Amino acid sequence: MEGYYDRYEDSPFFALSNLWILLCAFLVFIMHLGFASIESGLCQRKNTVNILFKNVFIICSGLLLYAVWGFNAMYPSEWLAEGVFAKGSAISGDASANSDLSYGGTGLCQTGWADFIFQAMFAATAATIVSGAVAERVKLTSFMVFAVLLVGFAYPITGGWKWGGGWLDAKGFYDFAGSSVVHAFGGFAALACVIVLGPRRGKYTKDGVKPILPSNMPLASIGAFLLWFGWFGFNGGSVLSADPGSIAYVITTTALGAAAGGLGAMLISWVVLKKPDLSMSLNGILAGLVGITAGADQLSLLGAVIAGGVGGILVVFSVLFLDKVKIDDPVGAISVHGTCGIWGTLAVGLPFLTLPDAGAPLGIQLLGTISIGLFAFVFSFVVFFILKMVMGVRVDEQEEAEGLDVAEHGSPAYTG
């Protein structure tokens, strides 16, 4: 074993960086527990098992799909269509490969396996975002097929456009940790699915919107705080090394953005809705996090506060607007990830929010977020519509009324 450790003797920064990336991957993994908790808490208790089952399926299938196809399709050594599309393949199992600085130098300071596991945790998030938006009425098998196609094939395509050195990266598009690559992608995929699926029965009446109350706000709150906690790895790991100054700065802007988003949503919802609304405040935290994610290393501290705060305000008005046009999103995923994903990406193009000599051209940022969001929307609409025609995407009225836990799984979440 002595020879094995000798490889790291002259590169302690490499070993430390690799460890940091792995720790961040574990934090991003915890975010899937956060998503499962907040979705369960904001939906009705009769659908809890169904929501949890989908989240279990997403992370298990997503990890395997990313291993056998997605990672090498997103970070290709060779493009089939230059900068646009690459063929995937399975990750290497060679124990001697990628064990030193030869993998990515000090800029991508980690082993190839650490790089894979960190990015794999990101990939599954796209389908998790959709899971919350279609909750309480989607047919389980149809959703599972869709999630496989979204995570396994669609996400690596647009991810490669930026992070794989594709056409958006060549144009100077900037997205540090995924306001567009992950969040806007998932948000607009969710929007397409919700349009095809339709609202929950009884949500929109001739008298207006009928609230469908959440089942467990303590669980939703736990979920939101778990997501905030995991986001330190989501953004902190995107430094791609253990550079102490960069990590500390990114985590600071992440925390400030989240806090400003929560406060912004809290205050504006209190004014608009006449009562302090906890669910809006929780989504405001997440909106602030999405808003800071594209520019966590580019925005000034004040810029981070403004980006997060604006995200928190936007999410309130976005949720209310979607209800007005009868687009039913039980957890606010479209607003948090889609609306605020666009905002976070554009914030990097606003010079008064960024550090000196940082940021990116606003026009390129707009092009990038529209391209990624549009691709996700069109892909998801077409695939989900085909699934609707072939196997159906919605449970019947009786099953929806009874609850998907019993109808789809034969077992309620709560027996007491």
Protein backbone atom coordinates (compact mmCIF):
# COMPACT_ATOMS: atom_id res chain seq x y z
CA MET A 1 0.00 0.00 0.00
CA GLU A 2 2.98 2.32 0.48
CA GLY A 3 3.42 2.72 -3.27
CA TYR A 4 -0.23 3.66 -3.65
CA TYR A 5 0.02 6.61 -1.28
CA ASP A 6 3.33 7.78 -2.75
CA ARG A 7 1.38 9.18 -5.71
CA TYR A 8 -0.05 11.90 -3.43
CA GLU A 9 3.17 12.80 -1.57
CA ASP A 10 4.04 15.69 -3.84
CA SER A 11 0.50 16.90 -4.37
CA PRO A 12 -1.32 17.41 -1.06
CA PHE A 13 -3.49 20.06 -2.74
CA PHE A 14 -4.72 17.42 -5.18
CA ALA A 15 -5.61 15.00 -2.39
CA LEU A 16 -7.37 17.73 -0.41
CA SER A 17 -9.23 18.93 -3.49
CA ASN A 18 -10.39 15.44 -4.35
CA LEU A 19 -11.67 14.99 -0.80
CA TRP A 20 -13.48 18.35 -0.94
CA ILE A 21 -15.24 17.45 -4.19
CA LEU A 22 -16.37 14.13 -2.73
CA LEU A 23 -17.69 15.84 0.40
CA CYS A 24 -19.60 18.26 -1.82
CA ALA A 25 -21.02 15.33 -3.79
CA PHE A 26 -22.32 13.95 -0.50
CA LEU A 27 -23.91 17.31 0.29
CA VAL A 28 -25.61 17.40 -3.12
CA PHE A 29 -26.85 13.86 -2.47
CA ILE A 30 -28.48 15.13 0.74
CA MET A 31 -30.41 17.60 -1.46
CA HIS A 32 -32.41 14.67 -2.80
CA LEU A 33 -33.64 14.04 0.74
CA GLY A 34 -34.47 17.74 0.86
CA PHE A 35 -36.49 17.55 -2.35
CA ALA A 36 -38.32 14.44 -1.11
CA SER A 37 -39.16 16.17 2.18
CA ILE A 38 -40.34 19.50 0.78
CA GLU A 39 -42.43 17.82 -1.92
CA SER A 40 -44.04 15.48 0.61
CA GLY A 41 -44.71 18.31 3.02
CA LEU A 42 -46.27 20.67 0.47
CA CYS A 43 -48.55 17.99 -1.03
CA GLN A 44 -51.46 16.05 0.47
CA ARG A 45 -50.68 13.19 2.82
CA LYS A 46 -52.55 10.68 0.61
CA ASN A 47 -49.79 11.05 -2.03
CA THR A 48 -46.72 10.85 0.22
CA VAL A 49 -45.58 7.32 -0.65
CA ASN A 50 -45.91 8.12 -4.36
CA ILE A 51 -43.74 11.23 -4.04
CA LEU A 52 -41.09 9.41 -2.02
CA PHE A 53 -41.07 6.46 -4.45
CA LYS A 54 -40.45 8.79 -7.40
CA ASN A 55 -37.55 10.42 -5.60
CA VAL A 56 -36.01 7.04 -4.79
CA PHE A 57 -36.36 5.98 -8.43
CA ILE A 58 -34.87 9.21 -9.76
CA ILE A 59 -31.62 9.04 -7.83
CA CYS A 60 -31.13 5.29 -8.39
CA SER A 61 -31.88 5.33 -12.13
CA GLY A 62 -30.22 8.69 -12.68
CA LEU A 63 -26.92 7.59 -11.17
CA LEU A 64 -26.77 4.45 -13.30
CA LEU A 65 -27.85 6.22 -16.51
CA TYR A 66 -25.24 8.91 -15.98
CA ALA A 67 -22.60 6.19 -15.52
CA VAL A 68 -23.44 4.21 -18.66
CA TRP A 69 -24.16 7.16 -21.00
CA GLY A 70 -24.62 10.66 -19.62
CA PHE A 71 -21.22 11.63 -18.20
CA ASN A 72 -19.28 10.99 -21.39
CA ALA A 73 -22.07 12.52 -23.48
CA MET A 74 -21.90 15.71 -21.38
CA TYR A 75 -18.10 15.89 -21.25
CA PRO A 76 -17.20 14.39 -24.63
CA SER A 77 -13.78 13.67 -26.04
CA GLU A 78 -15.37 13.71 -29.50
CA TRP A 79 -18.51 15.45 -30.79
CA LEU A 80 -20.88 13.84 -33.29
CA ALA A 81 -22.22 17.31 -34.11
CA GLU A 82 -19.54 19.82 -33.12
CA GLY A 83 -20.48 21.60 -29.90
CA VAL A 84 -24.07 20.35 -30.03
CA PHE A 85 -24.34 16.59 -29.54
CA ALA A 86 -21.99 13.81 -28.50
CA LYS A 87 -22.36 10.07 -28.14
CA GLY A 88 -22.27 8.78 -24.60
CA SER A 89 -20.42 5.77 -23.23
CA ALA A 90 -19.76 4.06 -19.92
CA ILE A 91 -17.31 5.54 -17.43
CA SER A 92 -13.91 3.88 -17.05
CA GLY A 93 -13.42 1.17 -14.45
CA ASP A 94 -9.63 1.28 -14.64
CA ALA A 95 -8.36 1.54 -11.06
CA SER A 96 -5.09 3.14 -12.18
CA ALA A 97 -6.72 5.92 -14.23
CA ASN A 98 -7.24 9.53 -13.17
CA SER A 99 -5.45 9.17 -9.85
CA ASP A 100 -3.26 12.24 -10.13
CA LEU A 101 -3.12 15.76 -11.54
CA SER A 102 -3.04 14.43 -15.10
CA TYR A 103 -6.86 14.32 -15.15
CA GLY A 104 -7.47 18.05 -14.98
CA GLY A 105 -4.49 19.83 -13.49
CA THR A 106 -5.07 22.34 -10.71
CA GLY A 107 -8.14 23.82 -12.39
CA LEU A 108 -10.11 20.55 -12.34
CA CYS A 109 -8.27 19.23 -9.34
CA GLN A 110 -9.83 15.82 -8.71
CA THR A 111 -9.90 12.27 -9.97
CA GLY A 112 -12.15 11.36 -12.87
CA TRP A 113 -14.30 9.32 -10.51
CA ALA A 114 -14.80 12.24 -8.12
CA ASP A 115 -15.73 14.38 -11.11
CA PHE A 116 -18.28 11.77 -12.17
CA ILE A 117 -19.93 11.29 -8.80
CA PHE A 118 -20.22 15.05 -8.21
CA GLN A 119 -21.79 15.67 -11.62
CA ALA A 120 -24.05 12.61 -11.32
CA MET A 121 -25.70 14.13 -8.25
CA PHE A 122 -26.50 17.22 -10.33
CA ALA A 123 -27.99 15.21 -13.18
CA ALA A 124 -30.74 13.55 -11.20
CA THR A 125 -31.90 16.95 -9.91
CA ALA A 126 -33.51 17.82 -13.25
CA ALA A 127 -36.11 15.03 -12.95
CA THR A 128 -36.62 15.75 -9.25
CA ILE A 129 -37.70 19.28 -10.15
CA VAL A 130 -40.30 17.84 -12.53
CA SER A 131 -41.46 15.34 -9.91
CA GLY A 132 -42.74 18.06 -7.60
CA ALA A 133 -44.55 19.98 -10.32
CA VAL A 134 -46.52 16.96 -11.60
CA ALA A 135 -47.23 15.55 -8.13
CA GLU A 136 -50.61 14.21 -7.04
CA ARG A 137 -51.98 13.26 -10.46
CA VAL A 138 -49.24 11.81 -12.67
CA LYS A 139 -49.21 8.11 -13.58
CA LEU A 140 -46.17 6.51 -11.99
CA THR A 141 -45.00 4.34 -14.90
CA SER A 142 -45.28 7.20 -17.38
CA PHE A 143 -43.27 9.48 -15.11
CA MET A 144 -40.58 6.83 -14.70
CA VAL A 145 -40.18 6.48 -18.47
CA PHE A 146 -40.01 10.26 -18.84
CA ALA A 147 -37.46 10.64 -16.04
CA VAL A 148 -35.17 8.07 -17.68
CA LEU A 149 -35.24 9.94 -21.00
CA LEU A 150 -34.82 13.37 -19.39
CA VAL A 151 -31.89 12.52 -17.14
CA GLY A 152 -30.28 9.90 -19.35
CA PHE A 153 -30.34 11.71 -22.68
CA ALA A 154 -31.72 15.27 -22.65
CA TYR A 155 -29.81 16.72 -19.70
CA PRO A 156 -26.33 15.70 -20.97
CA ILE A 157 -27.01 17.43 -24.31
CA THR A 158 -27.61 20.93 -22.91
CA GLY A 159 -25.10 20.36 -20.12
CA GLY A 160 -22.49 19.71 -22.79
CA TRP A 161 -23.36 22.98 -24.53
CA LYS A 162 -21.78 24.83 -21.59
CA TRP A 163 -19.89 22.55 -19.21
CA GLY A 164 -18.71 20.14 -21.89
CA GLY A 165 -17.10 22.89 -23.98
CA GLY A 166 -19.98 23.10 -26.46
CA TRP A 167 -21.33 25.95 -28.55
CA LEU A 168 -22.61 28.06 -25.65
CA ASP A 169 -19.27 27.84 -23.87
CA ALA A 170 -17.54 28.95 -27.08
CA LYS A 171 -19.75 32.04 -27.20
CA GLY A 172 -18.78 33.05 -23.65
CA PHE A 173 -21.94 31.95 -21.83
CA TYR A 174 -21.36 31.73 -18.06
CA ASP A 175 -23.14 29.47 -15.59
CA PHE A 176 -20.98 28.68 -12.58
CA ALA A 177 -23.09 25.97 -10.91
CA GLY A 178 -26.26 25.64 -12.94
CA SER A 179 -28.93 28.35 -12.72
CA SER A 180 -29.71 27.46 -16.33
CA VAL A 181 -27.88 24.17 -16.95
CA VAL A 182 -29.65 22.48 -14.02
CA HIS A 183 -32.46 24.66 -12.71
CA ALA A 184 -33.95 26.41 -15.74
CA PHE A 185 -33.61 23.09 -17.58
CA GLY A 186 -35.64 21.33 -14.89
CA GLY A 187 -38.09 24.20 -14.48
CA PHE A 188 -39.00 24.40 -18.16
CA ALA A 189 -39.18 20.62 -18.46
CA ALA A 190 -41.65 20.77 -15.57
CA LEU A 191 -43.68 23.51 -17.26
CA ALA A 192 -44.09 21.41 -20.41
CA CYS A 193 -45.20 18.37 -18.43
CA VAL A 194 -47.71 20.34 -16.37
CA ILE A 195 -49.26 21.83 -19.52
CA VAL A 196 -49.71 18.34 -21.02
CA LEU A 197 -50.88 16.87 -17.71
CA GLY A 198 -53.37 19.52 -16.63
CA PRO A 199 -54.20 20.75 -13.12
CA ARG A 200 -55.36 18.72 -10.15
CA ARG A 201 -59.12 18.24 -10.12
CA GLY A 202 -60.90 20.89 -8.10
CA LYS A 203 -57.96 23.30 -8.01
CA TYR A 204 -59.47 25.84 -10.42
CA THR A 205 -63.20 26.54 -10.16
CA LYS A 206 -65.61 29.08 -11.59
CA ASP A 207 -65.18 30.99 -8.34
CA GLY A 208 -61.39 31.12 -8.67
CA VAL A 209 -58.47 29.17 -7.23
CA LYS A 210 -59.34 26.66 -4.53
CA PRO A 211 -56.32 26.15 -2.27
CA ILE A 212 -55.20 22.54 -1.80
CA LEU A 213 -53.50 22.73 1.56
CA PRO A 214 -50.12 21.13 2.30
CA SER A 215 -50.04 18.17 4.65
CA ASN A 216 -46.94 18.77 6.72
CA MET A 217 -45.28 22.17 6.97
CA PRO A 218 -42.65 21.01 9.51
CA LEU A 219 -41.50 18.41 6.95
CA ALA A 220 -41.53 21.02 4.18
CA SER A 221 -39.40 23.30 6.36
CA ILE A 222 -36.94 20.50 7.05
CA GLY A 223 -36.73 19.91 3.31
CA ALA A 224 -35.99 23.56 2.58
CA PHE A 225 -33.21 23.70 5.17
CA LEU A 226 -31.73 20.44 3.90
CA LEU A 227 -31.66 21.94 0.41
CA TRP A 228 -29.96 25.08 1.72
CA PHE A 229 -27.41 22.91 3.53
CA GLY A 230 -26.79 20.80 0.42
CA TRP A 231 -26.45 23.90 -1.74
CA PHE A 232 -23.17 24.72 0.00
CA GLY A 233 -21.85 21.60 -1.72
CA PHE A 234 -23.72 22.34 -4.95
CA ASN A 235 -21.98 25.71 -5.31
CA GLY A 236 -18.90 25.11 -3.18
CA GLY A 237 -17.97 21.99 -5.12
CA SER A 238 -18.32 23.86 -8.40
CA VAL A 239 -15.03 25.60 -7.60
CA LEU A 240 -13.64 22.19 -8.72
CA SER A 241 -10.72 22.36 -6.32
CA ALA A 242 -9.93 23.13 -2.68
CA ASP A 243 -8.89 26.72 -3.42
CA PRO A 244 -9.61 28.20 0.03
CA GLY A 245 -10.36 31.74 -1.10
CA SER A 246 -12.73 30.70 -3.87
CA ILE A 247 -14.61 28.19 -1.72
CA ALA A 248 -15.08 30.62 1.15
CA TYR A 249 -16.29 33.37 -1.18
CA VAL A 250 -18.73 31.13 -3.06
CA ILE A 251 -20.22 29.75 0.14
CA THR A 252 -20.59 33.28 1.51
CA THR A 253 -22.45 34.53 -1.58
CA THR A 254 -24.59 31.38 -1.51
CA ALA A 255 -25.61 32.00 2.10
CA LEU A 256 -26.32 35.69 1.48
CA GLY A 257 -28.41 34.92 -1.62
CA ALA A 258 -30.49 32.35 0.24
CA ALA A 259 -31.11 34.63 3.20
CA ALA A 260 -32.07 37.56 0.97
CA GLY A 261 -34.39 35.33 -1.06
CA GLY A 262 -36.17 34.07 2.02
CA LEU A 263 -36.57 37.57 3.42
CA GLY A 264 -37.68 39.00 0.07
CA ALA A 265 -40.38 36.37 -0.38
CA MET A 266 -41.44 36.67 3.23
CA LEU A 267 -41.99 40.42 3.03
CA ILE A 268 -43.56 40.64 -0.43
CA SER A 269 -45.94 37.73 0.20
CA TRP A 270 -46.98 39.34 3.50
CA VAL A 271 -47.85 42.51 1.62
CA VAL A 272 -49.61 40.81 -1.30
CA LEU A 273 -51.39 38.01 0.56
CA LYS A 274 -52.04 40.02 3.74
CA LYS A 275 -50.62 37.21 5.90
CA PRO A 276 -47.07 35.93 6.51
CA ASP A 277 -46.86 32.83 4.31
CA LEU A 278 -44.41 30.09 5.33
CA SER A 279 -44.51 28.15 2.05
CA MET A 280 -43.67 31.31 0.09
CA SER A 281 -40.82 32.03 2.50
CA LEU A 282 -39.38 28.53 2.08
CA ASN A 283 -39.61 28.80 -1.69
CA GLY A 284 -38.03 32.24 -1.39
CA ILE A 285 -34.95 30.67 0.18
CA LEU A 286 -34.72 28.23 -2.73
CA ALA A 287 -35.36 31.03 -5.23
CA GLY A 288 -32.50 33.01 -3.72
CA LEU A 289 -30.25 29.97 -4.02
CA VAL A 290 -31.18 29.43 -7.67
CA GLY A 291 -30.66 33.15 -8.26
CA ILE A 292 -27.10 33.08 -6.93
CA THR A 293 -26.03 29.77 -8.48
CA ALA A 294 -24.98 31.02 -11.94
CA GLY A 295 -22.79 33.78 -10.53
CA ALA A 296 -21.76 32.64 -7.07
CA ASP A 297 -18.12 33.37 -7.94
CA GLN A 298 -18.84 36.43 -10.11
CA LEU A 299 -21.25 38.57 -8.10
CA SER A 300 -20.17 41.03 -5.44
CA LEU A 301 -21.47 40.51 -1.92
CA LEU A 302 -24.07 43.24 -2.49
CA GLY A 303 -24.82 41.70 -5.88
CA ALA A 304 -25.43 38.35 -4.21
CA VAL A 305 -27.91 39.93 -1.81
CA ILE A 306 -29.71 41.69 -4.67
CA ALA A 307 -29.74 38.56 -6.86
CA GLY A 308 -31.15 36.46 -4.04
CA GLY A 309 -33.62 39.09 -2.90
CA VAL A 310 -34.98 39.67 -6.41
CA GLY A 311 -35.29 35.89 -6.80
CA GLY A 312 -37.37 35.74 -3.63
CA ILE A 313 -39.68 38.49 -4.88
CA LEU A 314 -39.97 36.97 -8.35
CA VAL A 315 -40.98 33.57 -7.03
CA VAL A 316 -44.03 35.02 -5.26
CA PHE A 317 -45.33 36.78 -8.35
CA SER A 318 -44.48 33.79 -10.55
CA VAL A 319 -46.46 31.38 -8.35
CA LEU A 320 -49.46 33.74 -8.34
CA PHE A 321 -49.25 34.26 -12.11
CA LEU A 322 -49.13 30.53 -12.86
CA ASP A 323 -52.22 30.01 -10.71
CA LYS A 324 -53.93 32.84 -12.57
CA VAL A 325 -53.36 31.11 -15.92
CA LYS A 326 -54.33 27.73 -14.39
CA ILE A 327 -50.92 26.07 -14.49
CA ASP A 328 -50.97 23.91 -11.37
CA ASP A 329 -47.63 23.37 -9.68
CA PRO A 330 -48.18 21.96 -6.15
CA VAL A 331 -44.71 22.85 -4.86
CA GLY A 332 -43.78 25.96 -6.89
CA ALA A 333 -40.98 24.15 -8.75
CA ILE A 334 -41.54 25.94 -12.06
CA SER A 335 -41.29 29.32 -10.39
CA VAL A 336 -38.32 28.47 -8.16
CA HIS A 337 -36.22 26.75 -10.79
CA GLY A 338 -37.53 28.06 -14.10
CA THR A 339 -38.30 31.73 -13.43
CA CYS A 340 -35.44 32.24 -11.00
CA GLY A 341 -33.05 30.15 -13.09
CA ILE A 342 -33.47 32.70 -15.87
CA TRP A 343 -33.02 35.58 -13.44
CA GLY A 344 -29.89 34.10 -11.88
CA THR A 345 -28.34 33.61 -15.30
CA LEU A 346 -29.13 37.15 -16.40
CA ALA A 347 -27.77 38.59 -13.13
CA VAL A 348 -24.27 37.53 -14.23
CA GLY A 349 -24.68 39.89 -17.20
CA LEU A 350 -25.50 42.95 -15.07
CA PRO A 351 -22.24 44.83 -14.37
CA PHE A 352 -23.57 46.60 -11.28
CA LEU A 353 -24.00 43.21 -9.58
CA THR A 354 -20.65 41.63 -10.44
CA LEU A 355 -17.11 41.97 -9.19
CA PRO A 356 -14.69 44.10 -11.25
CA ASP A 357 -13.56 42.33 -14.43
CA ALA A 358 -16.17 39.60 -13.86
CA GLY A 359 -19.51 38.67 -15.38
CA ALA A 360 -20.48 37.95 -18.98
CA PRO A 361 -22.28 39.82 -21.81
CA LEU A 362 -25.99 40.12 -21.03
CA GLY A 363 -26.96 39.16 -24.59
CA ILE A 364 -24.98 35.92 -24.40
CA GLN A 365 -26.51 35.14 -21.00
CA LEU A 366 -29.98 35.67 -22.45
CA LEU A 367 -29.17 33.48 -25.44
CA GLY A 368 -27.88 30.71 -23.20
CA THR A 369 -30.77 30.57 -20.78
CA ILE A 370 -33.38 30.78 -23.56
CA SER A 371 -31.63 28.03 -25.54
CA ILE A 372 -31.43 25.65 -22.59
CA GLY A 373 -34.95 26.39 -21.37
CA LEU A 374 -36.45 26.10 -24.85
CA PHE A 375 -34.72 22.79 -25.54
CA ALA A 376 -35.92 21.38 -22.20
CA PHE A 377 -39.47 22.60 -22.85
CA VAL A 378 -39.74 21.26 -26.41
CA PHE A 379 -38.10 17.92 -25.57
CA SER A 380 -40.32 17.43 -22.53
CA PHE A 381 -43.52 18.52 -24.27
CA VAL A 382 -42.97 16.16 -27.20
CA VAL A 383 -41.93 13.18 -25.08
CA PHE A 384 -44.67 13.67 -22.48
CA PHE A 385 -47.31 14.18 -25.17
CA ILE A 386 -46.24 10.95 -26.89
CA LEU A 387 -46.44 9.16 -23.54
CA LYS A 388 -49.92 10.62 -23.08
CA MET A 389 -51.01 9.19 -26.43
CA VAL A 390 -49.34 5.79 -25.95
CA MET A 391 -49.79 4.92 -22.27
CA GLY A 392 -51.48 7.88 -20.62
CA VAL A 393 -49.82 10.25 -18.16
CA ARG A 394 -52.61 10.85 -15.67
CA VAL A 395 -54.38 8.66 -13.14
CA ASP A 396 -58.16 8.49 -13.37
CA GLU A 397 -60.50 10.62 -11.30
CA GLN A 398 -61.20 7.96 -8.68
CA GLU A 399 -57.51 7.22 -8.14
CA GLU A 400 -56.73 10.92 -7.80
CA ALA A 401 -59.50 11.34 -5.22
CA GLU A 402 -58.43 8.22 -3.33
CA GLY A 403 -54.79 9.21 -3.36
CA LEU A 404 -51.88 7.75 -5.27
CA ASP A 405 -50.46 5.99 -2.24
CA VAL A 406 -53.30 3.47 -2.22
CA ALA A 407 -54.11 3.56 -5.95
CA GLU A 408 -50.53 3.17 -7.22
CA HIS A 409 -48.74 1.52 -4.29
CA GLY A 410 -51.45 -0.18 -2.22
CA SER A 411 -50.14 1.34 0.98
CA PRO A 412 -50.72 4.65 2.78
CA ALA A 413 -47.82 6.60 4.27
CA TYR A 414 -49.55 7.13 7.59
CA THR A 415 -51.58 4.42 9.31
CA GLY A 416 -52.15 6.12 12.65
